[in-house]
Structure formats: structure tokens, C-alpha cells
């Protein structure tokens, strides 16, 4: 009798069976339909005389289900003594969201649509030794998302999840190319700024940006929300030549905007960076 150990995935169980019977399972991808909102893969597995298929929202899940179907046939075959614990390891599709692989899913999405692969950059880390927090920036073409987490890996996963969540809001008929994505508020271009009817951006055009006690960080945040771009403040560890704190404000516009700020504290440096970013947006928005 061939007995599979408990706690293993169907892929592992079927592989053990193949090793012991000298019929190593062979997996082939039959179909790869990567839609922006719901990617679908179909895999075929052949082990000896048995052939089964499985479908899932990732390659791993499709192979998992194909292997599971093959195992069910083996269990039902009275001529094969094959003991499999019941239940097997849970179906990946039913696992909590944070146990899936958003990084891999985003990469597969980019490959399918002919985009450049996502780029991840660790932009910031801080907090006490027992409670570190990391911030990672994920860039895909001209767009950007940030993710935070207690580890570099978690921050990277969270950034990828944000991209996938944003893409999932796009209807199926508008996923042909990244150009379509631009039309669904995933980015802010200079053209859209100049022609925007938004209240905040038009208020900026009329503002002198020199009124005392203005909260420039809040004002920039309101414009970002209205125009559909993100802001990331990157504190620079080194002080400036005159001993001031420094900060970069990065805007996920298309093209990306980066403005420098300095001040007597981190907060003042961020406010100065936001002020400079607002001045730059004002110049761009007023151009004809």
C-alpha cells in the first residue's frame, strides 16, 4: 500500500505516488487567460494512464486542482492501494488573502499585457528594534503604489496587493492595454491637470501659496485625492550643508514628480517639500 503523509498538498501527494510507482506527474499549461480583474489558468496533469485538468486564478492553484482530481481517481480505483488522509491541505483559493501571492500575480499580469515588470524599492524603514516598519514603493510603467509592513517582504506584498485591488475595479472591456488604465484614474498626466474641472486644482491656480500658516501637506493631499495620484514622503537621513533636515515628496503623476524640501525639523522639511510640489503643479496646471 502507498500511504501519503497528512498535511501535504495534492501536488506533493501525487509526486510521492509518482516517485514510488515510477510515473512522475507531468504538468502542462493548457490555457492562460489573464484578465485584469480575474486571471484564469488551466493545467493538465498526466500520471501513468491518468490525465486530469484543473482550473484556478493562479498557476499554482490550477496545478493543485489538477493533482487533486488525479488523486480522487486513484483513491476510487480498487486495484490501486493508495491511502490518502482526508482532508488534504486546504485549497489555496480558500486560504486568507494574505497567504496568497500578490507579487507573483502582479508579475504574471504585467507579462501577459506586455508591460515592464514591476519594480520594488525600499524607501523607508523606522521604528524601534522590536517593532520595525518598512515602506516599499512598487512601480509599474508610470504608476506607483506604496506598501507598509513589519518586514520588507510584507511591505512588498502590500504594495503589490494595492495594485491588484486597483486593477480589479476596471471593467473587463477596458483591460486591453495600459493606455486604457490611464483613462480610469490610475494616473495623473500634465494634460489632465491643465484640463481638469476639479475644484482643488483650480483653487491652486488662483492661490499665491504664500499665506502664513497654510497646511501645505493637507492641501497637496486634497489635490492628490481629487486628481488621482499618490504622495510619498521620503525623509533623508543626512542633514543639509547648513544643518537642516531634508525630505523628498514623490508624486505618482505621469511622469513622476519629485520635489525637495528642507527645514529645522522633519515635519518642516515635509511641509517645505509639499509647498515646492504645489508650486510645481501650479506652474504645470497654468500652462496652455
Protein backbone atom coordinates (compact mmCIF):
# COMPACT_ATOMS: atom_id res chain seq x y z
CA UNK A 1 0.00 0.00 0.00
CA UNK A 2 1.17 3.53 -0.83
CA UNK A 3 0.37 5.91 2.05
CA UNK A 4 0.58 9.70 1.78
CA UNK A 5 1.56 11.69 4.84
CA UNK A 6 -1.01 14.14 6.26
CA UNK A 7 -0.61 17.90 5.85
CA UNK A 8 0.72 17.77 2.29
CA UNK A 9 -0.70 19.44 -0.79
CA UNK A 10 -2.22 17.35 -3.61
CA UNK A 11 0.81 18.24 -5.76
CA UNK A 12 3.17 16.80 -3.14
CA UNK A 13 1.00 13.71 -2.59
CA UNK A 14 0.77 12.98 -6.31
CA UNK A 15 4.52 13.46 -6.69
CA UNK A 16 5.16 10.93 -3.90
CA UNK A 17 2.87 8.47 -5.66
CA UNK A 18 4.71 9.06 -8.94
CA UNK A 19 8.11 8.53 -7.33
CA UNK A 20 7.05 5.20 -5.78
CA UNK A 21 5.37 3.91 -8.95
CA UNK A 22 7.96 5.40 -11.34
CA UNK A 23 5.26 7.50 -13.03
CA UNK A 24 6.35 11.09 -12.34
CA UNK A 25 3.43 13.53 -12.86
CA UNK A 26 3.81 15.82 -15.87
CA UNK A 27 2.04 19.20 -15.80
CA UNK A 28 1.21 21.23 -18.92
CA UNK A 29 -0.49 24.61 -19.17
CA UNK A 30 -3.48 24.26 -21.49
CA UNK A 31 -4.83 27.79 -21.18
CA UNK A 32 -3.69 31.11 -19.74
CA UNK A 33 -6.39 33.77 -19.73
CA UNK A 34 -5.01 36.65 -17.65
CA UNK A 35 -7.74 39.25 -17.41
CA UNK A 36 -7.06 42.30 -15.28
CA UNK A 37 -9.96 41.53 -12.96
CA UNK A 38 -9.88 37.69 -12.90
CA UNK A 39 -6.85 35.74 -14.23
CA UNK A 40 -7.66 32.10 -15.12
CA UNK A 41 -5.26 29.22 -15.77
CA UNK A 42 -5.94 25.62 -16.83
CA UNK A 43 -3.36 22.88 -16.23
CA UNK A 44 -3.34 19.24 -17.33
CA UNK A 45 -1.53 16.59 -15.30
CA UNK A 46 -0.62 13.15 -16.60
CA UNK A 47 0.50 10.38 -14.27
CA UNK A 48 0.70 6.94 -15.83
CA UNK A 49 -2.56 6.32 -17.71
CA UNK A 50 -4.45 9.02 -15.80
CA UNK A 51 -4.95 12.52 -17.21
CA UNK A 52 -6.84 15.27 -15.38
CA UNK A 53 -7.25 19.03 -15.66
CA UNK A 54 -7.63 21.78 -13.09
CA UNK A 55 -8.53 25.45 -13.27
CA UNK A 56 -7.65 28.33 -10.95
CA UNK A 57 -6.84 32.01 -10.62
CA UNK A 58 -3.11 31.21 -10.42
CA UNK A 59 -0.85 28.60 -12.00
CA UNK A 60 -0.23 27.03 -8.60
CA UNK A 61 -3.94 26.73 -7.84
CA UNK A 62 -4.69 25.22 -11.27
CA UNK A 63 -1.94 22.58 -10.78
CA UNK A 64 -3.22 21.98 -7.24
CA UNK A 65 -6.72 21.19 -8.53
CA UNK A 66 -5.46 19.02 -11.40
CA UNK A 67 -3.43 16.96 -8.92
CA UNK A 68 -6.43 16.72 -6.61
CA UNK A 69 -8.59 15.37 -9.45
CA UNK A 70 -5.96 12.74 -10.27
CA UNK A 71 -5.75 11.69 -6.60
CA UNK A 72 -9.52 11.25 -6.45
CA UNK A 73 -9.33 8.85 -9.41
CA UNK A 74 -6.50 6.91 -7.76
CA UNK A 75 -8.45 6.64 -4.49
CA UNK A 76 -11.52 5.33 -6.35
CA UNK A 77 -9.53 2.68 -8.21
CA UNK A 78 -9.85 -0.55 -6.22
CA UNK A 79 -6.83 -2.07 -7.98
CA UNK A 80 -4.55 0.63 -6.58
CA UNK A 81 -3.78 0.57 -2.86
CA UNK A 82 -3.39 4.30 -2.29
CA UNK A 83 -4.21 5.71 1.15
CA UNK A 84 -4.63 9.48 1.30
CA UNK A 85 -5.51 11.32 4.54
CA UNK A 86 -8.79 13.18 4.39
CA UNK A 87 -8.83 16.11 4.21
CA UNK A 88 -5.67 17.15 2.41
CA UNK A 89 -4.09 20.55 2.94
CA UNK A 90 -6.74 23.29 2.38
CA UNK A 91 -7.45 24.57 -1.11
CA UNK A 92 -5.25 27.68 -1.69
CA UNK A 93 -8.27 29.59 -3.03
CA UNK A 94 -9.89 29.27 0.40
CA UNK A 95 -6.89 30.48 2.34
CA UNK A 96 -6.87 34.00 3.79
CA UNK A 97 -5.95 36.68 1.29
CA UNK A 98 -2.64 37.43 2.98
CA UNK A 99 -1.47 33.86 2.32
CA UNK A 100 -1.79 34.19 -1.46
CA UNK A 101 0.97 35.59 -3.68
CA UNK A 102 0.11 39.10 -4.92
CA UNK A 103 3.71 39.68 -6.07
CA UNK A 104 3.55 36.71 -8.44
CA UNK A 105 0.05 37.62 -9.63
CA UNK A 106 1.11 41.18 -10.46
CA UNK A 107 4.16 39.92 -12.36
CA UNK A 108 2.04 37.47 -14.39
CA UNK A 109 -0.36 40.30 -15.17
CA UNK A 110 2.48 42.52 -16.42
CA UNK A 111 3.95 39.74 -18.59
CA UNK A 112 0.58 38.92 -20.15
CA UNK A 113 -0.05 42.54 -21.16
CA UNK A 114 3.48 43.23 -22.37
CA UNK A 115 4.25 45.75 -19.63
CA UNK A 116 7.62 46.15 -17.97
CA UNK A 117 7.96 44.05 -14.83
CA UNK A 118 7.05 45.73 -11.52
CA UNK A 119 9.97 47.37 -9.72
CA UNK A 120 10.15 47.40 -5.92
CA UNK A 121 12.21 49.90 -3.93
CA UNK A 122 12.61 50.01 -0.16
CA UNK A 123 12.01 53.71 0.52
CA UNK A 124 11.95 53.88 4.29
CA UNK A 125 12.44 51.87 7.46
CA UNK A 126 11.98 53.01 11.01
CA UNK A 127 10.58 52.30 14.43
CA UNK A 128 12.18 50.68 17.47
CA UNK A 129 14.16 47.44 17.13
CA UNK A 130 11.26 45.33 18.44
CA UNK A 131 8.68 46.96 16.15
CA UNK A 132 10.26 47.88 12.82
CA UNK A 133 8.16 49.27 9.97
CA UNK A 134 9.20 49.18 6.33
CA UNK A 135 7.84 51.14 3.37
CA UNK A 136 8.25 49.81 -0.17
CA UNK A 137 7.40 51.57 -3.43
CA UNK A 138 6.14 49.45 -6.32
CA UNK A 139 6.34 50.98 -9.80
CA UNK A 140 4.55 49.56 -12.83
CA UNK A 141 5.07 51.54 -16.01
CA UNK A 142 4.34 55.17 -14.98
CA UNK A 143 2.27 54.28 -11.92
CA UNK A 144 3.21 53.79 -8.30
CA UNK A 145 1.82 52.28 -5.11
CA UNK A 146 3.33 52.07 -1.64
CA UNK A 147 3.08 49.31 0.91
CA UNK A 148 3.98 49.18 4.60
CA UNK A 149 4.67 46.19 6.80
CA UNK A 150 6.54 44.76 9.75
CA UNK A 151 9.02 43.15 7.32
CA UNK A 152 10.44 44.06 3.92
CA UNK A 153 8.60 41.11 2.38
CA UNK A 154 5.25 42.15 3.87
CA UNK A 155 5.69 45.75 2.68
CA UNK A 156 6.41 44.46 -0.83
CA UNK A 157 3.34 42.19 -0.76
CA UNK A 158 1.11 45.02 0.44
CA UNK A 159 2.28 47.30 -2.39
CA UNK A 160 1.51 44.58 -4.95
CA UNK A 161 -1.91 43.97 -3.36
CA UNK A 162 -2.77 47.66 -3.76
CA UNK A 163 -2.04 47.46 -7.50
CA UNK A 164 -4.16 44.32 -7.90
CA UNK A 165 -7.02 45.87 -5.93
CA UNK A 166 -6.91 48.96 -8.14
CA UNK A 167 -6.88 46.89 -11.34
CA UNK A 168 -9.81 44.79 -10.09
CA UNK A 169 -12.05 47.86 -10.25
CA UNK A 170 -11.61 48.12 -14.02
CA UNK A 171 -14.32 46.60 -16.19
CA UNK A 172 -13.31 43.68 -18.50
CA UNK A 173 -13.77 45.64 -21.73
CA UNK A 174 -11.10 48.14 -20.68
CA UNK A 175 -8.08 45.95 -19.97
CA UNK A 176 -6.53 45.72 -23.42
CA UNK A 177 -3.52 47.91 -22.68
CA UNK A 178 -2.07 50.22 -20.10
CA UNK A 179 -3.42 53.13 -22.14
CA UNK A 180 -6.91 52.07 -21.08
CA UNK A 181 -5.78 52.02 -17.47
CA UNK A 182 -4.74 55.67 -17.70
CA UNK A 183 -8.32 56.56 -18.53
CA UNK A 184 -9.51 55.03 -15.27
CA UNK A 185 -7.79 57.38 -12.81
CA UNK A 186 -4.73 55.23 -12.15
CA UNK A 187 -2.54 58.18 -13.01
CA UNK A 188 -2.47 61.93 -13.46
CA UNK A 189 -0.89 63.47 -16.56
CA UNK A 190 0.07 67.09 -17.24
CA UNK A 191 -2.66 67.19 -19.87
CA UNK A 192 -5.31 66.07 -17.38
CA UNK A 193 -4.10 68.66 -14.85
CA UNK A 194 -4.38 71.52 -17.34
CA UNK A 195 -7.87 70.49 -18.40
CA UNK A 196 -9.25 69.35 -15.07
CA UNK A 197 -12.50 70.95 -13.85
CA UNK A 198 -11.59 69.93 -10.29
CA UNK A 199 -12.26 72.46 -7.54
CA UNK A 200 -8.95 71.93 -5.71
CA UNK A 201 -6.66 72.22 -8.74
CA UNK A 202 -8.46 75.35 -9.93
CA UNK A 203 -8.17 76.82 -6.45
CA UNK A 204 -4.43 76.13 -6.64
CA UNK A 205 -4.21 78.07 -9.91
CA UNK A 206 -5.60 81.15 -8.13
CA UNK A 207 -3.56 80.73 -4.96
CA UNK A 208 -0.38 82.70 -4.23
CA UNK A 209 0.95 79.90 -1.99
CA UNK A 210 2.37 82.49 0.37
CA UNK A 211 -0.36 82.78 3.04
CA UNK A 212 1.11 82.25 6.54
CA UNK A 213 0.16 79.08 8.47
CA UNK A 214 -1.14 77.29 5.36
CA UNK A 215 -1.15 73.50 5.75
CA UNK A 216 0.64 72.64 2.50
CA UNK A 217 0.69 68.90 3.25
CA UNK A 218 -3.09 68.84 3.65
CA UNK A 219 -3.61 70.98 0.54
CA UNK A 220 -1.40 68.69 -1.55
CA UNK A 221 -3.23 65.64 -0.15
CA UNK A 222 -6.60 67.08 -1.20
CA UNK A 223 -5.36 67.77 -4.74
CA UNK A 224 -3.85 64.26 -4.95
CA UNK A 225 -7.18 62.71 -3.96
CA UNK A 226 -9.05 64.82 -6.50
CA UNK A 227 -6.61 64.20 -9.36
CA UNK A 228 -5.89 60.52 -8.67
CA UNK A 229 -2.22 60.38 -7.72
CA UNK A 230 -0.34 59.26 -4.60
CA UNK A 231 2.21 61.11 -2.47
CA UNK A 232 5.18 59.52 -0.73
CA UNK A 233 7.39 61.49 1.64
CA UNK A 234 10.95 60.18 1.83
CA UNK A 235 12.93 61.53 4.79
CA UNK A 236 16.65 61.87 4.04
CA UNK A 237 18.86 60.77 6.92
CA UNK A 238 21.70 63.20 6.14
CA UNK A 239 21.32 66.82 7.16
CA UNK A 240 21.84 69.52 4.54
CA UNK A 241 25.04 71.58 4.31
CA UNK A 242 23.50 74.19 6.63
CA UNK A 243 22.35 71.59 9.17
CA UNK A 244 18.67 71.30 8.17
CA UNK A 245 16.50 68.20 7.84
CA UNK A 246 15.70 67.12 4.29
CA UNK A 247 12.76 65.39 2.63
CA UNK A 248 11.63 64.36 -0.86
CA UNK A 249 7.98 64.43 -1.90
CA UNK A 250 7.33 61.92 -4.68
CA UNK A 251 4.09 62.25 -6.66
CA UNK A 252 2.87 59.33 -8.79
CA UNK A 253 1.96 61.62 -11.66
CA UNK A 254 2.86 60.74 -15.23
CA UNK A 255 5.73 61.49 -15.46
CA UNK A 256 6.62 61.05 -11.78
CA UNK A 257 7.33 64.28 -9.88
CA UNK A 258 9.94 64.57 -7.11
CA UNK A 259 10.37 67.78 -5.09
CA UNK A 260 12.91 68.55 -2.37
CA UNK A 261 12.22 70.27 0.93
CA UNK A 262 14.25 71.29 3.98
CA UNK A 263 13.55 72.67 7.45
CA UNK A 264 14.51 72.77 11.11
CA UNK A 265 12.58 69.52 11.73
CA UNK A 266 11.34 66.51 9.75
CA UNK A 267 7.84 67.99 9.78
CA UNK A 268 9.06 71.32 8.45
CA UNK A 269 11.06 69.56 5.74
CA UNK A 270 7.95 67.64 4.63
CA UNK A 271 5.89 70.82 4.61
CA UNK A 272 8.54 72.57 2.50
CA UNK A 273 8.62 69.64 0.06
CA UNK A 274 4.81 69.76 -0.21
CA UNK A 275 4.99 73.53 -0.78
CA UNK A 276 7.50 73.09 -3.60
CA UNK A 277 5.38 70.32 -5.13
CA UNK A 278 2.34 72.61 -5.08
CA UNK A 279 4.30 75.37 -6.78
CA UNK A 280 5.38 72.94 -9.48
CA UNK A 281 1.83 71.64 -10.02
CA UNK A 282 0.59 75.23 -10.21
CA UNK A 283 3.09 76.06 -12.96
CA UNK A 284 2.16 72.93 -14.94
CA UNK A 285 -1.60 73.42 -14.50
CA UNK A 286 -1.44 77.05 -15.69
CA UNK A 287 0.41 76.22 -18.91
CA UNK A 288 -1.61 76.33 -22.11
